[in-house]
C-alpha atoms as a PDB file:
ATOM      1  CA  MET A   1     -38.033-104.337 -57.960  1.00  0.00           C
ATOM      2  CA  ASP A   2     -40.594-104.901 -60.745  1.00  0.00           C
ATOM      3  CA  ASP A   3     -41.447-108.531 -60.617  1.00  0.00           C
ATOM      4  CA  SER A   4     -40.000-109.862 -64.591  1.00  0.00           C
ATOM      5  CA  VAL A   5     -42.007-112.627 -65.922  1.00  0.00           C
ATOM      6  CA  THR A   6     -40.228-115.504 -68.146  1.00  0.00           C
ATOM      7  CA  ARG A   7     -40.654-118.650 -69.262  1.00  0.00           C
ATOM      8  CA  ARG A   8     -39.486-121.055 -66.879  1.00  0.00           C
ATOM      9  CA  ASN A   9     -37.386-124.077 -67.540  1.00  0.00           C
ATOM     10  CA  PHE A  10     -39.626-126.738 -65.946  1.00  0.00           C
ATOM     11  CA  LEU A  11     -37.045-129.426 -66.139  1.00  0.00           C
ATOM     12  CA  ALA A  12     -37.363-131.129 -62.822  1.00  0.00           C
ATOM     13  CA  ALA A  13     -34.139-130.350 -60.795  1.00  0.00           C
ATOM     14  CA  SER A  14     -32.597-133.303 -59.197  1.00  0.00           C
ATOM     15  CA  ALA A  15     -34.364-134.471 -56.166  1.00  0.00           C
ATOM     16  CA  ALA A  16     -31.384-135.859 -55.314  1.00  0.00           C
ATOM     17  CA  ALA A  17     -29.875-132.939 -53.378  1.00  0.00           C
ATOM     18  CA  ALA A  18     -28.645-134.230 -50.054  1.00  0.00           C
ATOM     19  CA  THR A  19     -30.901-133.914 -46.866  1.00  0.00           C
ATOM     20  CA  ALA A  20     -29.291-131.727 -43.894  1.00  0.00           C
ATOM     21  CA  THR A  21     -28.425-132.941 -40.778  1.00  0.00           C
ATOM     22  CA  MET A  22     -31.404-132.809 -38.665  1.00  0.00           C
ATOM     23  CA  ALA A  23     -30.721-130.748 -35.675  1.00  0.00           C
ATOM     24  CA  THR A  24     -32.274-128.556 -32.806  1.00  0.00           C
ATOM     25  CA  GLY A  25     -31.063-124.769 -32.589  1.00  0.00           C
ATOM     26  CA  ARG A  26     -29.359-122.899 -35.653  1.00  0.00           C
ATOM     27  CA  LEU A  27     -27.236-125.366 -37.587  1.00  0.00           C
ATOM     28  CA  GLY A  28     -23.471-124.351 -37.433  1.00  0.00           C
ATOM     29  CA  THR A  29     -22.248-122.832 -40.825  1.00  0.00           C
ATOM     30  CA  SER A  30     -19.879-119.509 -41.331  1.00  0.00           C
ATOM     31  CA  SER A  31     -21.286-116.089 -42.139  1.00  0.00           C
ATOM     32  CA  VAL A  32     -21.794-115.858 -46.357  1.00  0.00           C
ATOM     33  CA  ASP A  33     -19.537-113.301 -47.022  1.00  0.00           C
ATOM     34  CA  ALA A  34     -21.583-110.503 -48.722  1.00  0.00           C
ATOM     35  CA  ALA A  35     -19.424-110.039 -51.739  1.00  0.00           C
ATOM     36  CA  GLU A  36     -19.882-113.018 -53.093  1.00  0.00           C
ATOM     37  CA  LEU A  37     -24.114-112.587 -53.281  1.00  0.00           C
ATOM     38  CA  LYS A  38     -25.095-111.734 -56.624  1.00  0.00           C
ATOM     39  CA  THR A  39     -28.815-111.473 -55.785  1.00  0.00           C
ATOM     40  CA  THR A  40     -30.624-108.232 -54.279  1.00  0.00           C
ATOM     41  CA  LEU A  41     -33.759-109.294 -51.705  1.00  0.00           C
ATOM     42  CA  HIS A  42     -36.747-107.106 -50.337  1.00  0.00           C
ATOM     43  CA  LYS A  43     -37.874-106.572 -46.969  1.00  0.00           C
ATOM     44  CA  SER A  44     -41.620-107.272 -46.125  1.00  0.00           C
ATOM     45  CA  LEU A  45     -44.467-107.884 -43.988  1.00  0.00           C
ATOM     46  CA  ILE A  46     -47.851-108.737 -43.971  1.00  0.00           C
ATOM     47  CA  GLY A  47     -50.705-106.770 -43.550  1.00  0.00           C
ATOM     48  CA  ASN A  48     -53.896-104.197 -44.745  1.00  0.00           C
ATOM     49  CA  PRO A  49     -51.733-101.438 -46.603  1.00  0.00           C
ATOM     50  CA  THR A  50     -53.125 -98.759 -45.106  1.00  0.00           C
ATOM     51  CA  GLU A  51     -51.278 -95.300 -44.200  1.00  0.00           C
ATOM     52  CA  LYS A  52     -50.671 -95.907 -40.733  1.00  0.00           C
ATOM     53  CA  THR A  53     -49.456 -99.559 -41.408  1.00  0.00           C
ATOM     54  CA  LEU A  54     -47.425 -98.593 -44.337  1.00  0.00           C
ATOM     55  CA  THR A  55     -45.774 -95.812 -42.239  1.00  0.00           C
ATOM     56  CA  ASP A  56     -44.930 -97.762 -39.249  1.00  0.00           C
ATOM     57  CA  MET A  57     -42.957-100.628 -41.445  1.00  0.00           C
ATOM     58  CA  LYS A  58     -41.408 -97.853 -43.432  1.00  0.00           C
ATOM     59  CA  GLU A  59     -39.760 -96.262 -40.609  1.00  0.00           C
ATOM     60  CA  ALA A  60     -38.922 -99.692 -39.030  1.00  0.00           C
ATOM     61  CA  GLY A  61     -36.792-100.440 -42.125  1.00  0.00           C
ATOM     62  CA  PHE A  62     -39.254-102.405 -44.200  1.00  0.00           C
ATOM     63  CA  GLU A  63     -39.493-101.720 -48.079  1.00  0.00           C
ATOM     64  CA  GLY A  64     -42.882-103.495 -49.080  1.00  0.00           C
ATOM     65  CA  ILE A  65     -45.978-105.216 -47.608  1.00  0.00           C
ATOM     66  CA  GLU A  66     -48.073-108.338 -48.619  1.00  0.00           C
ATOM     67  CA  ALA A  67     -51.776-107.182 -48.880  1.00  0.00           C
ATOM     68  CA  GLY A  68     -54.163-109.486 -46.499  1.00  0.00           C
ATOM     69  CA  ASN A  69     -57.056-107.961 -47.965  1.00  0.00           C
ATOM     70  CA  HIS A  70     -57.654-110.157 -50.869  1.00  0.00           C
ATOM     71  CA  GLY A  71     -61.196-109.243 -51.468  1.00  0.00           C
ATOM     72  CA  ALA A  72     -60.346-105.247 -52.019  1.00  0.00           C
ATOM     73  CA  SER A  73     -62.019-103.778 -55.308  1.00  0.00           C
ATOM     74  CA  PRO A  74     -59.866-102.633 -57.663  1.00  0.00           C
ATOM     75  CA  GLN A  75     -60.635 -99.330 -56.528  1.00  0.00           C
ATOM     76  CA  GLU A  76     -59.653-100.063 -53.406  1.00  0.00           C
ATOM     77  CA  ALA A  77     -56.448-101.594 -54.201  1.00  0.00           C
ATOM     78  CA  GLU A  78     -55.415 -98.447 -56.324  1.00  0.00           C
ATOM     79  CA  ALA A  79     -56.039 -96.084 -53.685  1.00  0.00           C
ATOM     80  CA  ALA A  80     -54.020 -98.252 -51.338  1.00  0.00           C
ATOM     81  CA  ARG A  81     -51.214 -98.443 -54.153  1.00  0.00           C
ATOM     82  CA  LYS A  82     -50.977 -94.639 -54.576  1.00  0.00           C
ATOM     83  CA  ILE A  83     -50.530 -94.845 -50.630  1.00  0.00           C
ATOM     84  CA  ALA A  84     -47.669 -97.038 -50.635  1.00  0.00           C
ATOM     85  CA  GLU A  85     -46.183 -94.806 -53.697  1.00  0.00           C
ATOM     86  CA  LYS A  86     -46.382 -92.004 -51.863  1.00  0.00           C
ATOM     87  CA  LEU A  87     -44.596 -93.618 -49.007  1.00  0.00           C
ATOM     88  CA  GLY A  88     -41.983 -95.216 -51.269  1.00  0.00           C
ATOM     89  CA  MET A  89     -43.469 -98.682 -50.178  1.00  0.00           C
ATOM     90  CA  ARG A  90     -44.760-101.083 -52.581  1.00  0.00           C
ATOM     91  CA  ILE A  91     -47.480-103.512 -52.305  1.00  0.00           C
ATOM     92  CA  HIS A  92     -45.290-106.656 -53.683  1.00  0.00           C
ATOM     93  CA  SER A  93     -47.816-109.317 -53.180  1.00  0.00           C
ATOM     94  CA  VAL A  94     -51.681-110.748 -52.157  1.00  0.00           C
ATOM     95  CA  LEU A  95     -52.234-113.556 -49.491  1.00  0.00           C
ATOM     96  CA  TYR A  96     -55.097-115.307 -50.485  1.00  0.00           C
ATOM     97  CA  GLY A  97     -54.532-118.290 -48.744  1.00  0.00           C
ATOM     98  CA  TRP A  98     -56.827-121.510 -48.798  1.00  0.00           C
ATOM     99  CA  ALA A  99     -59.415-122.439 -51.847  1.00  0.00           C
ATOM    100  CA  ASN A 100     -61.020-125.808 -51.540  1.00  0.00           C
ATOM    101  CA  PHE A 101     -60.652-127.114 -55.128  1.00  0.00           C
ATOM    102  CA  ASN A 102     -60.874-130.417 -54.053  1.00  0.00           C
ATOM    103  CA  LYS A 103     -64.653-130.041 -52.831  1.00  0.00           C
ATOM    104  CA  PRO A 104     -67.115-129.799 -55.552  1.00  0.00           C
ATOM    105  CA  GLU A 105     -69.372-127.861 -53.600  1.00  0.00           C
ATOM    106  CA  SER A 106     -66.553-125.142 -53.159  1.00  0.00           C
ATOM    107  CA  VAL A 107     -64.610-124.830 -56.737  1.00  0.00           C
ATOM    108  CA  GLU A 108     -67.066-122.143 -58.309  1.00  0.00           C
ATOM    109  CA  LYS A 109     -67.341-119.908 -55.605  1.00  0.00           C
ATOM    110  CA  ASP A 110     -63.757-120.334 -54.869  1.00  0.00           C
ATOM    111  CA  LEU A 111     -62.498-119.670 -58.350  1.00  0.00           C
ATOM    112  CA  ALA A 112     -64.338-116.820 -58.216  1.00  0.00           C
ATOM    113  CA  SER A 113     -62.796-115.721 -55.098  1.00  0.00           C
ATOM    114  CA  VAL A 114     -59.227-116.120 -56.512  1.00  0.00           C
ATOM    115  CA  GLU A 115     -60.279-113.981 -59.433  1.00  0.00           C
ATOM    116  CA  THR A 116     -61.310-111.017 -57.280  1.00  0.00           C
ATOM    117  CA  ALA A 117     -57.683-111.631 -55.409  1.00  0.00           C
ATOM    118  CA  LEU A 118     -56.157-111.244 -58.669  1.00  0.00           C
ATOM    119  CA  ARG A 119     -58.014-108.423 -59.873  1.00  0.00           C
ATOM    120  CA  ALA A 120     -57.278-106.564 -56.677  1.00  0.00           C
ATOM    121  CA  ALA A 121     -53.627-107.557 -56.978  1.00  0.00           C
ATOM    122  CA  GLN A 122     -53.680-105.915 -60.265  1.00  0.00           C
ATOM    123  CA  GLY A 123     -55.206-102.904 -58.406  1.00  0.00           C
ATOM    124  CA  PHE A 124     -52.456-102.888 -55.835  1.00  0.00           C
ATOM    125  CA  GLY A 125     -49.893-103.071 -58.554  1.00  0.00           C
ATOM    126  CA  ALA A 126     -48.802-106.635 -56.661  1.00  0.00           C
ATOM    127  CA  GLY A 127     -47.016-109.233 -59.058  1.00  0.00           C
ATOM    128  CA  ALA A 128     -48.729-112.611 -57.432  1.00  0.00           C
ATOM    129  CA  VAL A 129     -51.272-113.653 -55.369  1.00  0.00           C
ATOM    130  CA  LEU A 130     -50.311-116.234 -52.722  1.00  0.00           C
ATOM    131  CA  LEU A 131     -52.775-119.242 -53.209  1.00  0.00           C
ATOM    132  CA  VAL A 132     -53.444-123.077 -51.553  1.00  0.00           C
ATOM    133  CA  PRO A 133     -55.306-125.087 -53.741  1.00  0.00           C
ATOM    134  CA  CYS A 134     -57.170-127.152 -50.999  1.00  0.00           C
ATOM    135  CA  ARG A 135     -56.258-129.433 -48.152  1.00  0.00           C
ATOM    136  CA  ILE A 136     -56.789-132.747 -46.927  1.00  0.00           C
ATOM    137  CA  ASP A 137     -57.578-134.393 -43.494  1.00  0.00           C
ATOM    138  CA  GLY A 138     -59.436-137.160 -41.501  1.00  0.00           C
ATOM    139  CA  VAL A 139     -57.230-140.074 -43.246  1.00  0.00           C
ATOM    140  CA  ALA A 140     -54.290-141.593 -41.616  1.00  0.00           C
ATOM    141  CA  MET A 141     -50.754-140.395 -43.049  1.00  0.00           C
ATOM    142  CA  PRO A 142     -47.404-141.008 -42.129  1.00  0.00           C
ATOM    143  CA  GLU A 143     -45.428-139.223 -39.942  1.00  0.00           C
ATOM    144  CA  ALA A 144     -43.398-136.379 -41.295  1.00  0.00           C
ATOM    145  CA  TRP A 145     -40.352-138.544 -41.174  1.00  0.00           C
ATOM    146  CA  GLU A 146     -41.624-141.432 -42.115  1.00  0.00           C
ATOM    147  CA  PHE A 147     -42.475-140.062 -45.853  1.00  0.00           C
ATOM    148  CA  ASP A 148     -40.452-141.685 -48.758  1.00  0.00           C
ATOM    149  CA  ILE A 149     -42.769-140.630 -51.725  1.00  0.00           C
ATOM    150  CA  GLU A 150     -43.097-142.535 -55.575  1.00  0.00           C
ATOM    151  CA  PHE A 151     -44.649-140.781 -57.733  1.00  0.00           C
ATOM    152  CA  ASP A 152     -45.651-140.905 -61.501  1.00  0.00           C
ATOM    153  CA  GLU A 153     -44.160-137.885 -63.145  1.00  0.00           C
ATOM    154  CA  LYS A 154     -46.763-137.423 -65.624  1.00  0.00           C
ATOM    155  CA  THR A 155     -49.792-137.556 -64.033  1.00  0.00           C
ATOM    156  CA  GLY A 156     -48.506-136.374 -60.412  1.00  0.00           C
ATOM    157  CA  HIS A 157     -49.943-139.414 -58.858  1.00  0.00           C
ATOM    158  CA  ILE A 158     -48.926-140.689 -55.517  1.00  0.00           C
ATOM    159  CA  GLU A 159     -47.947-144.543 -55.814  1.00  0.00           C
ATOM    160  CA  LYS A 160     -46.330-144.823 -52.391  1.00  0.00           C
ATOM    161  CA  VAL A 161     -45.661-142.896 -49.432  1.00  0.00           C
ATOM    162  CA  VAL A 162     -43.838-144.742 -47.049  1.00  0.00           C
ATOM    163  CA  ALA A 163     -41.474-148.060 -47.414  1.00  0.00           C
ATOM    164  CA  GLY A 164     -42.799-150.937 -46.960  1.00  0.00           C
ATOM    165  CA  ASP A 165     -46.997-151.671 -46.844  1.00  0.00           C
ATOM    166  CA  ASN A 166     -48.431-149.182 -47.787  1.00  0.00           C
ATOM    167  CA  GLY A 167     -51.983-150.260 -46.930  1.00  0.00           C
ATOM    168  CA  PRO A 168     -52.416-148.434 -43.974  1.00  0.00           C
ATOM    169  CA  TYR A 169     -52.347-144.949 -46.076  1.00  0.00           C
ATOM    170  CA  LYS A 170     -54.721-146.034 -49.121  1.00  0.00           C
ATOM    171  CA  ASP A 171     -57.217-143.483 -48.216  1.00  0.00           C
ATOM    172  CA  TYR A 172     -54.402-141.169 -47.974  1.00  0.00           C
ATOM    173  CA  ILE A 173     -53.064-141.842 -51.557  1.00  0.00           C
ATOM    174  CA  ASP A 174     -56.676-141.724 -52.916  1.00  0.00           C
ATOM    175  CA  ALA A 175     -57.585-138.539 -51.459  1.00  0.00           C
ATOM    176  CA  HIS A 176     -54.038-136.659 -52.688  1.00  0.00           C
ATOM    177  CA  ASN A 177     -54.727-137.572 -56.040  1.00  0.00           C
ATOM    178  CA  HIS A 178     -57.805-136.745 -56.188  1.00  0.00           C
ATOM    179  CA  ALA A 179     -56.979-133.276 -54.783  1.00  0.00           C
ATOM    180  CA  THR A 180     -53.868-133.391 -57.540  1.00  0.00           C
ATOM    181  CA  ASP A 181     -56.209-133.739 -60.155  1.00  0.00           C
ATOM    182  CA  THR A 182     -59.267-130.995 -59.076  1.00  0.00           C
ATOM    183  CA  SER A 183     -56.429-128.781 -58.091  1.00  0.00           C
ATOM    184  CA  LYS A 184     -55.076-129.035 -61.533  1.00  0.00           C
ATOM    185  CA  GLU A 185     -58.260-128.383 -63.191  1.00  0.00           C
ATOM    186  CA  ALA A 186     -59.351-125.513 -61.203  1.00  0.00           C
ATOM    187  CA  VAL A 187     -55.486-123.434 -61.098  1.00  0.00           C
ATOM    188  CA  LYS A 188     -55.781-124.330 -65.252  1.00  0.00           C
ATOM    189  CA  ARG A 189     -59.162-121.976 -65.279  1.00  0.00           C
ATOM    190  CA  LEU A 190     -57.207-119.478 -63.607  1.00  0.00           C
ATOM    191  CA  ILE A 191     -54.341-118.808 -65.721  1.00  0.00           C
ATOM    192  CA  SER A 192     -56.670-116.880 -68.249  1.00  0.00           C
ATOM    193  CA  THR A 193     -57.229-114.166 -65.392  1.00  0.00           C
ATOM    194  CA  ALA A 194     -53.634-114.224 -64.346  1.00  0.00           C
ATOM    195  CA  GLU A 195     -52.426-113.302 -67.924  1.00  0.00           C
ATOM    196  CA  LYS A 196     -55.093-110.788 -68.328  1.00  0.00           C
ATOM    197  CA  THR A 197     -53.979-108.934 -64.818  1.00  0.00           C
ATOM    198  CA  GLY A 198     -50.369-109.556 -65.275  1.00  0.00           C
ATOM    199  CA  VAL A 199     -50.640-111.556 -61.589  1.00  0.00           C
ATOM    200  CA  ILE A 200     -48.693-114.810 -60.943  1.00  0.00           C
ATOM    201  CA  ILE A 201     -50.553-117.258 -59.414  1.00  0.00           C
ATOM    202  CA  ALA A 202     -47.623-118.241 -56.441  1.00  0.00           C
ATOM    203  CA  LEU A 203     -48.678-121.530 -54.849  1.00  0.00           C
ATOM    204  CA  GLU A 204     -47.403-122.367 -51.123  1.00  0.00           C
ATOM    205  CA  ASN A 205     -46.072-125.157 -49.104  1.00  0.00           C
ATOM    206  CA  VAL A 206     -48.179-125.257 -46.299  1.00  0.00           C
ATOM    207  CA  TRP A 207     -49.576-127.902 -43.874  1.00  0.00           C
ATOM    208  CA  ASN A 208     -52.562-129.019 -45.852  1.00  0.00           C
ATOM    209  CA  GLY A 209     -51.295-132.655 -46.330  1.00  0.00           C
ATOM    210  CA  LEU A 210     -50.492-132.489 -49.775  1.00  0.00           C
ATOM    211  CA  TRP A 211     -47.315-132.335 -51.216  1.00  0.00           C
ATOM    212  CA  VAL A 212     -44.985-132.710 -48.616  1.00  0.00           C
ATOM    213  CA  LYS A 213     -41.921-133.534 -50.100  1.00  0.00           C
ATOM    214  CA  PRO A 214     -39.755-130.854 -53.025  1.00  0.00           C
ATOM    215  CA  ALA A 215     -39.801-133.340 -55.900  1.00  0.00           C
ATOM    216  CA  ILE A 216     -43.785-133.643 -55.543  1.00  0.00           C
ATOM    217  CA  PHE A 217     -44.514-129.931 -55.265  1.00  0.00           C
ATOM    218  CA  GLN A 218     -41.908-129.451 -57.979  1.00  0.00           C
ATOM    219  CA  ASN A 219     -43.479-131.730 -60.490  1.00  0.00           C
ATOM    220  CA  PHE A 220     -47.396-130.407 -59.417  1.00  0.00           C
ATOM    221  CA  ILE A 221     -46.196-126.590 -59.771  1.00  0.00           C
ATOM    222  CA  ALA A 222     -44.302-127.336 -63.412  1.00  0.00           C
ATOM    223  CA  SER A 223     -46.935-129.270 -64.220  1.00  0.00           C
ATOM    224  CA  PHE A 224     -48.963-125.843 -65.276  1.00  0.00           C
ATOM    225  CA  ASP A 225     -45.921-125.269 -67.746  1.00  0.00           C
ATOM    226  CA  SER A 226     -46.871-121.518 -67.162  1.00  0.00           C
ATOM    227  CA  PRO A 227     -45.292-118.321 -66.230  1.00  0.00           C
ATOM    228  CA  TRP A 228     -48.337-117.720 -64.473  1.00  0.00           C
ATOM    229  CA  VAL A 229     -48.273-120.497 -61.980  1.00  0.00           C
ATOM    230  CA  GLN A 230     -45.381-120.456 -59.946  1.00  0.00           C
ATOM    231  CA  CYS A 231     -43.958-120.994 -56.534  1.00  0.00           C
ATOM    232  CA  TYR A 232     -44.279-118.971 -52.891  1.00  0.00           C
ATOM    233  CA  PHE A 233     -42.244-121.118 -51.075  1.00  0.00           C
ATOM    234  CA  ASP A 234     -42.115-120.542 -47.480  1.00  0.00           C
ATOM    235  CA  ILE A 235     -39.387-121.514 -46.098  1.00  0.00           C
ATOM    236  CA  GLY A 236     -40.029-122.565 -42.425  1.00  0.00           C
ATOM    237  CA  ASN A 237     -43.051-124.417 -43.143  1.00  0.00           C
ATOM    238  CA  HIS A 238     -41.834-127.668 -44.185  1.00  0.00           C
ATOM    239  CA  VAL A 239     -38.650-128.169 -42.057  1.00  0.00           C
ATOM    240  CA  LYS A 240     -40.045-131.452 -40.566  1.00  0.00           C
ATOM    241  CA  TYR A 241     -40.338-132.937 -44.052  1.00  0.00           C
ATOM    242  CA  ALA A 242     -36.698-131.617 -45.231  1.00  0.00           C
ATOM    243  CA  MET A 243     -34.751-128.921 -44.936  1.00  0.00           C
ATOM    244  CA  PRO A 244     -35.499-125.825 -46.770  1.00  0.00           C
ATOM    245  CA  GLU A 245     -32.018-125.710 -48.562  1.00  0.00           C
ATOM    246  CA  GLU A 246     -33.455-128.842 -50.253  1.00  0.00           C
ATOM    247  CA  TRP A 247     -36.160-127.407 -50.960  1.00  0.00           C
ATOM    248  CA  ILE A 248     -34.638-124.446 -52.784  1.00  0.00           C
ATOM    249  CA  ARG A 249     -32.290-126.623 -54.892  1.00  0.00           C
ATOM    250  CA  VAL A 250     -35.013-128.509 -56.020  1.00  0.00           C
ATOM    251  CA  LEU A 251     -37.704-125.950 -56.713  1.00  0.00           C
ATOM    252  CA  GLY A 252     -35.127-123.588 -58.141  1.00  0.00           C
ATOM    253  CA  LYS A 253     -36.418-121.006 -60.934  1.00  0.00           C
ATOM    254  CA  LEU A 254     -39.972-121.897 -59.819  1.00  0.00           C
ATOM    255  CA  ILE A 255     -39.738-119.766 -57.013  1.00  0.00           C
ATOM    256  CA  VAL A 256     -41.166-116.063 -57.142  1.00  0.00           C
ATOM    257  CA  LYS A 257     -41.573-115.402 -53.348  1.00  0.00           C
ATOM    258  CA  CYS A 258     -40.647-116.203 -50.155  1.00  0.00           C
ATOM    259  CA  HIS A 259     -41.967-116.243 -46.691  1.00  0.00           C
ATOM    260  CA  VAL A 260     -39.301-116.046 -44.005  1.00  0.00           C
ATOM    261  CA  LYS A 261     -40.447-118.177 -40.912  1.00  0.00           C
ATOM    262  CA  ASP A 262     -38.620-120.482 -38.850  1.00  0.00           C
ATOM    263  CA  PHE A 263     -38.833-123.918 -37.073  1.00  0.00           C
ATOM    264  CA  LYS A 264     -37.252-125.581 -34.064  1.00  0.00           C
ATOM    265  CA  LEU A 265     -37.044-129.290 -34.323  1.00  0.00           C
ATOM    266  CA  ASN A 266     -36.897-131.291 -31.292  1.00  0.00           C
ATOM    267  CA  PRO A 267     -33.892-133.106 -30.170  1.00  0.00           C
ATOM    268  CA  ASP A 268     -34.788-136.389 -32.156  1.00  0.00           C
ATOM    269  CA  GLY A 269     -35.421-134.371 -35.404  1.00  0.00           C
ATOM    270  CA  HIS A 270     -39.252-135.361 -35.216  1.00  0.00           C
ATOM    271  CA  GLY A 271     -41.189-132.973 -35.352  1.00  0.00           C
ATOM    272  CA  GLY A 272     -40.884-129.435 -33.414  1.00  0.00           C
ATOM    273  CA  LYS A 273     -42.497-126.067 -33.245  1.00  0.00           C
ATOM    274  CA  PHE A 274     -42.540-122.730 -35.130  1.00  0.00           C
ATOM    275  CA  CYS A 275     -40.165-120.057 -33.413  1.00  0.00           C
ATOM    276  CA  ASP A 276     -39.189-116.668 -33.901  1.00  0.00           C
ATOM    277  CA  ILE A 277     -36.879-116.121 -36.996  1.00  0.00           C
ATOM    278  CA  ARG A 278     -33.282-117.285 -36.603  1.00  0.00           C
ATOM    279  CA  GLU A 279     -34.470-119.136 -33.099  1.00  0.00           C
ATOM    280  CA  GLY A 280     -34.938-122.350 -34.966  1.00  0.00           C
ATOM    281  CA  SER A 281     -33.146-124.936 -36.708  1.00  0.00           C
ATOM    282  CA  ILE A 282     -32.903-123.309 -39.964  1.00  0.00           C
ATOM    283  CA  ASP A 283     -29.184-122.635 -41.179  1.00  0.00           C
ATOM    284  CA  TRP A 284     -29.920-119.490 -42.440  1.00  0.00           C
ATOM    285  CA  PRO A 285     -26.914-118.486 -44.060  1.00  0.00           C
ATOM    286  CA  LEU A 286     -26.833-121.633 -46.069  1.00  0.00           C
ATOM    287  CA  VAL A 287     -30.383-120.660 -47.350  1.00  0.00           C
ATOM    288  CA  ARG A 288     -29.127-117.411 -48.320  1.00  0.00           C
ATOM    289  CA  ARG A 289     -26.182-118.853 -50.432  1.00  0.00           C
ATOM    290  CA  GLU A 290     -28.898-121.199 -51.896  1.00  0.00           C
ATOM    291  CA  LEU A 291     -31.460-118.438 -52.635  1.00  0.00           C
ATOM    292  CA  ASP A 292     -28.305-116.959 -54.427  1.00  0.00           C
ATOM    293  CA  LYS A 293     -27.397-119.857 -56.509  1.00  0.00           C
ATOM    294  CA  ILE A 294     -30.698-119.740 -58.357  1.00  0.00           C
ATOM    295  CA  GLY A 295     -30.838-116.334 -58.889  1.00  0.00           C
ATOM    296  CA  TYR A 296     -33.604-115.273 -56.673  1.00  0.00           C
ATOM    297  CA  ASN A 297     -34.194-111.673 -56.664  1.00  0.00           C
ATOM    298  CA  GLY A 298     -37.310-110.836 -54.445  1.00  0.00           C
ATOM    299  CA  TRP A 299     -38.959-110.383 -51.638  1.00  0.00           C
ATOM    300  CA  MET A 300     -38.803-112.160 -48.138  1.00  0.00           C
ATOM    301  CA  THR A 301     -41.753-111.282 -46.442  1.00  0.00           C
ATOM    302  CA  ILE A 302     -41.708-111.948 -42.800  1.00  0.00           C
ATOM    303  CA  GLU A 303     -44.983-114.223 -41.340  1.00  0.00           C
ATOM    304  CA  GLY A 304     -44.816-114.804 -37.747  1.00  0.00           C
ATOM    305  CA  SER A 305     -42.223-113.369 -34.874  1.00  0.00           C
ATOM    306  CA  GLY A 306     -45.599-111.302 -33.867  1.00  0.00           C
ATOM    307  CA  GLY A 307     -43.901-110.904 -30.064  1.00  0.00           C
ATOM    308  CA  LEU A 308     -41.186-108.991 -31.568  1.00  0.00           C
ATOM    309  CA  SER A 309     -41.219-105.550 -32.263  1.00  0.00           C
ATOM    310  CA  LEU A 310     -41.478-104.080 -36.023  1.00  0.00           C
ATOM    311  CA  GLU A 311     -37.458-102.842 -35.323  1.00  0.00           C
ATOM    312  CA  GLU A 312     -36.222-106.052 -34.320  1.00  0.00           C
ATOM    313  CA  ARG A 313     -37.876-108.087 -36.971  1.00  0.00           C
ATOM    314  CA  ASN A 314     -36.074-105.782 -39.374  1.00  0.00           C
ATOM    315  CA  LYS A 315     -32.818-106.127 -37.441  1.00  0.00           C
ATOM    316  CA  ARG A 316     -33.345-110.013 -37.852  1.00  0.00           C
ATOM    317  CA  LEU A 317     -33.978-110.164 -41.374  1.00  0.00           C
ATOM    318  CA  ASP A 318     -31.359-107.456 -42.449  1.00  0.00           C
ATOM    319  CA  LEU A 319     -28.972-110.551 -40.614  1.00  0.00           C
ATOM    320  CA  ILE A 320     -30.604-113.096 -43.104  1.00  0.00           C
ATOM    321  CA  ILE A 321     -30.623-111.195 -46.136  1.00  0.00           C
ATOM    322  CA  ALA A 322     -26.598-110.185 -45.458  1.00  0.00           C
ATOM    323  CA  GLY A 323     -25.832-114.032 -45.401  1.00  0.00           C
ATOM    324  CA  LYS A 324     -25.333-114.115 -41.407  1.00  0.00           C
END
């Protein structure tokens, strides 16, 4: 279950992948024949890796954990790693979350904090730190179903966000381009620490107003041209913008970690809400097939579905991994 770091081929995947039908409820496809699957996926949850937490997760059927305590010292992380190893568990990643690289007053502080998380991850024996570079808000932006983004592939700058008049979204476009530039500068400064610690900076797709379509998110991550900057793909986060199979096809080999989450679209396909896994609009057999096609051998970490027992979450994740 070791994370291997190889030089990625950053040629952009085709952004012309067909968007799946927007419909509520689980989309109907037949289950995947397990004999067809060539990749191996591992089961994980998010939490602080104490002995009790790790023991409870292991007894429920999970193999590892994504550590939420990103501020742990190397010594604390090392101690947790030893506990995990004793139990036959793996601390495979660290959840840092949100930074503010588009705000000058926060950059230095947040860079130091992410570096702490990278060193903690090294102590945990984790292969990646989940990072969200920043967010933008307070400006008018299109509805999820209105986005029709055109951008400059060299700079990553957005030129249009909707068909027709983009005047109402000028402030959003300007804020997006500013955030792209400042985030690139900040993340580049983190690469040396990532290399020294042997820990990947895994950029996640979230509701932060940025990179809301697969092609532009792929372009942003690939622009670093570094094996130390990759993608943490949250399967459920961007369903309202494009179905996960499209994201997987476009992001391809950039994906090094996956969050497992579900989202139920409204009847008209416009918006919706998060829900327990396997109860929403995601076609899980199709997602499993697409992950197999890109050769993803890695962790499937459930985020959310906290109303379900550990055993039930494990059961549902087993079904997803089996292509059902």
